[in-house]
N, C-alpha and C. Protein backbone atom coordinates (compact mmCIF):
# COMPACT_ATOMS: atom_id res chain seq x y z
N MET A 1 105.69 113.87 39.54
CA MET A 1 106.38 112.59 39.54
C MET A 1 107.87 112.82 39.29
N ALA A 2 108.68 112.03 39.94
CA ALA A 2 110.14 112.16 39.82
C ALA A 2 110.60 111.67 38.44
N SER A 3 111.67 112.29 37.96
CA SER A 3 112.21 111.89 36.66
C SER A 3 112.94 110.56 36.78
N ALA A 4 113.15 109.92 35.65
CA ALA A 4 113.87 108.65 35.63
C ALA A 4 115.29 108.82 36.16
N ALA A 5 115.92 109.95 35.83
CA ALA A 5 117.29 110.20 36.28
C ALA A 5 117.36 110.35 37.79
N SER A 6 116.39 111.05 38.39
CA SER A 6 116.41 111.20 39.84
C SER A 6 116.08 109.89 40.55
N LEU A 7 115.18 109.10 39.97
CA LEU A 7 114.89 107.78 40.55
C LEU A 7 116.09 106.86 40.44
N LEU A 8 116.83 106.97 39.33
CA LEU A 8 118.04 106.17 39.16
C LEU A 8 119.06 106.51 40.24
N ALA A 9 119.19 107.79 40.56
CA ALA A 9 120.12 108.20 41.62
C ALA A 9 119.70 107.62 42.97
N LEU A 10 118.40 107.58 43.24
CA LEU A 10 117.90 107.00 44.49
C LEU A 10 118.16 105.50 44.55
N ILE A 11 117.95 104.82 43.42
CA ILE A 11 118.21 103.38 43.36
C ILE A 11 119.70 103.11 43.59
N ASP A 12 120.56 103.92 42.97
CA ASP A 12 122.00 103.75 43.17
C ASP A 12 122.37 103.93 44.64
N ALA A 13 121.76 104.92 45.30
CA ALA A 13 122.03 105.15 46.72
C ALA A 13 121.55 103.96 47.57
N ALA A 14 120.40 103.40 47.23
CA ALA A 14 119.88 102.25 47.97
C ALA A 14 120.78 101.03 47.79
N ILE A 15 121.25 100.82 46.57
CA ILE A 15 122.16 99.70 46.30
C ILE A 15 123.46 99.89 47.09
N GLU A 16 123.99 101.10 47.05
CA GLU A 16 125.24 101.37 47.79
C GLU A 16 125.05 101.14 49.29
N ALA A 17 123.92 101.57 49.82
CA ALA A 17 123.66 101.39 51.25
C ALA A 17 123.62 99.91 51.63
N LEU A 18 122.99 99.10 50.81
CA LEU A 18 122.93 97.66 51.09
C LEU A 18 124.30 97.01 50.95
N LEU A 19 125.08 97.45 49.95
CA LEU A 19 126.39 96.84 49.73
C LEU A 19 127.43 97.25 50.76
N THR A 20 127.21 98.38 51.41
CA THR A 20 128.19 98.86 52.39
C THR A 20 127.73 98.63 53.82
N GLY A 21 126.91 97.61 54.00
CA GLY A 21 126.56 97.19 55.35
C GLY A 21 125.21 97.64 55.85
N GLY A 22 124.41 98.26 55.01
CA GLY A 22 123.08 98.66 55.43
C GLY A 22 122.19 97.44 55.63
N ALA A 23 121.30 97.53 56.57
CA ALA A 23 120.40 96.41 56.86
C ALA A 23 119.29 96.35 55.82
N GLN A 24 118.94 95.15 55.43
CA GLN A 24 117.83 94.97 54.50
C GLN A 24 116.51 94.99 55.26
N GLN A 25 116.56 94.60 56.53
CA GLN A 25 115.36 94.59 57.35
C GLN A 25 115.75 94.96 58.77
N TYR A 26 114.90 95.76 59.41
CA TYR A 26 115.15 96.08 60.81
C TYR A 26 113.82 96.32 61.51
N SER A 27 113.86 96.23 62.83
CA SER A 27 112.65 96.42 63.64
C SER A 27 112.88 97.50 64.68
N ILE A 28 111.86 98.28 64.90
CA ILE A 28 111.86 99.27 65.98
C ILE A 28 110.55 99.06 66.72
N GLY A 29 110.67 98.56 67.93
CA GLY A 29 109.46 98.26 68.69
C GLY A 29 108.66 97.18 67.98
N SER A 30 107.40 97.48 67.73
CA SER A 30 106.54 96.50 67.07
C SER A 30 106.50 96.66 65.55
N ARG A 31 107.26 97.62 65.04
CA ARG A 31 107.27 97.86 63.60
C ARG A 31 108.50 97.24 62.95
N THR A 32 108.31 96.66 61.78
CA THR A 32 109.41 96.09 61.01
C THR A 32 109.45 96.76 59.65
N VAL A 33 110.64 97.15 59.24
CA VAL A 33 110.83 97.78 57.94
C VAL A 33 111.69 96.85 57.09
N THR A 34 111.21 96.56 55.89
CA THR A 34 111.96 95.71 54.96
C THR A 34 112.22 96.51 53.69
N LYS A 35 113.49 96.62 53.33
CA LYS A 35 113.86 97.31 52.10
C LYS A 35 113.84 96.33 50.95
N LEU A 36 113.89 96.84 49.75
CA LEU A 36 113.97 95.98 48.57
C LEU A 36 115.26 95.18 48.59
N ASP A 37 115.21 93.99 48.05
CA ASP A 37 116.42 93.17 47.95
C ASP A 37 117.25 93.63 46.76
N LEU A 38 118.52 93.23 46.75
CA LEU A 38 119.43 93.67 45.69
C LEU A 38 118.95 93.27 44.30
N LYS A 39 118.40 92.09 44.17
CA LYS A 39 117.94 91.64 42.85
C LYS A 39 116.88 92.60 42.31
N SER A 40 115.92 92.96 43.14
CA SER A 40 114.86 93.89 42.71
C SER A 40 115.43 95.26 42.39
N LEU A 41 116.37 95.70 43.21
CA LEU A 41 116.98 97.01 42.97
C LEU A 41 117.75 97.03 41.65
N PHE A 42 118.49 95.96 41.36
CA PHE A 42 119.25 95.92 40.11
C PHE A 42 118.32 95.83 38.90
N GLU A 43 117.20 95.11 39.02
CA GLU A 43 116.23 95.04 37.91
C GLU A 43 115.64 96.42 37.65
N GLU A 44 115.25 97.11 38.73
CA GLU A 44 114.69 98.45 38.58
C GLU A 44 115.73 99.41 38.01
N ARG A 45 116.99 99.27 38.45
CA ARG A 45 118.07 100.12 37.95
C ARG A 45 118.25 99.93 36.45
N ARG A 46 118.22 98.68 36.00
CA ARG A 46 118.40 98.41 34.57
C ARG A 46 117.29 99.08 33.76
N MET A 47 116.05 98.98 34.22
CA MET A 47 114.94 99.59 33.50
C MET A 47 115.04 101.12 33.49
N LEU A 48 115.40 101.70 34.64
CA LEU A 48 115.54 103.15 34.70
C LEU A 48 116.70 103.64 33.83
N GLN A 49 117.80 102.89 33.81
CA GLN A 49 118.94 103.27 32.99
C GLN A 49 118.55 103.30 31.51
N GLN A 50 117.78 102.30 31.09
CA GLN A 50 117.32 102.27 29.70
C GLN A 50 116.41 103.46 29.40
N GLN A 51 115.55 103.81 30.35
CA GLN A 51 114.65 104.94 30.16
C GLN A 51 115.44 106.25 30.06
N VAL A 52 116.42 106.42 30.93
CA VAL A 52 117.26 107.62 30.89
C VAL A 52 117.99 107.71 29.55
N GLU A 53 118.51 106.59 29.06
CA GLU A 53 119.21 106.58 27.77
C GLU A 53 118.27 106.94 26.63
N ARG A 54 117.04 106.42 26.67
CA ARG A 54 116.06 106.75 25.64
C ARG A 54 115.72 108.24 25.68
N GLU A 55 115.52 108.77 26.89
CA GLU A 55 115.14 110.18 27.03
C GLU A 55 116.25 111.12 26.60
N SER A 56 117.50 110.71 26.83
CA SER A 56 118.62 111.59 26.48
C SER A 56 119.11 111.36 25.06
N GLY A 57 118.62 110.32 24.42
CA GLY A 57 119.03 110.03 23.05
C GLY A 57 120.39 109.36 22.97
N SER A 58 120.92 108.91 24.10
CA SER A 58 122.20 108.20 24.08
C SER A 58 121.98 106.73 24.35
N GLY A 59 122.91 105.94 23.92
CA GLY A 59 122.83 104.50 24.17
C GLY A 59 121.73 103.86 23.34
N GLY A 60 121.49 102.64 23.65
CA GLY A 60 120.48 101.91 22.92
C GLY A 60 120.97 101.45 21.57
N VAL A 61 120.23 100.59 20.98
CA VAL A 61 120.60 100.04 19.68
C VAL A 61 119.40 100.20 18.76
N THR A 62 119.68 100.66 17.57
CA THR A 62 118.65 100.74 16.55
C THR A 62 119.06 99.84 15.40
N LEU A 63 118.21 98.92 15.07
CA LEU A 63 118.50 97.98 13.99
C LEU A 63 117.67 98.35 12.77
N GLY A 64 118.26 98.20 11.65
CA GLY A 64 117.55 98.47 10.41
C GLY A 64 118.01 97.48 9.35
N ARG A 65 117.24 97.37 8.30
CA ARG A 65 117.59 96.45 7.23
C ARG A 65 117.77 97.26 5.97
N LEU A 66 118.92 97.15 5.40
CA LEU A 66 119.20 97.85 4.16
C LEU A 66 119.20 96.83 3.01
N SER A 67 118.65 97.26 1.91
CA SER A 67 118.68 96.36 0.74
C SER A 67 118.90 97.21 -0.50
N ARG A 68 119.45 96.56 -1.51
CA ARG A 68 119.67 97.23 -2.79
C ARG A 68 118.45 97.07 -3.67
N ALA A 69 118.21 98.09 -4.42
CA ALA A 69 117.12 98.00 -5.38
C ALA A 69 117.55 97.07 -6.49
N ARG A 70 116.69 96.18 -6.86
CA ARG A 70 117.01 95.26 -7.96
C ARG A 70 116.77 95.95 -9.29
N ARG A 71 117.66 95.67 -10.23
CA ARG A 71 117.54 96.29 -11.56
C ARG A 71 116.98 95.33 -12.56
């Protein structure tokens, strides 16, 4: 299975292709190919980016609660 980082690179390439004039849907003969829409690509990108950050130990937020010991 591909790593999150390599999938993220593929998603970025797909987003760039759509933004720079790539077709979202096209037909060749009797076959029609439909690519993912930008909304789906950006949602998948967000999830993959979070996974990459978790795996690399960068980014993300860790919340904790600190309290003083009562005397």
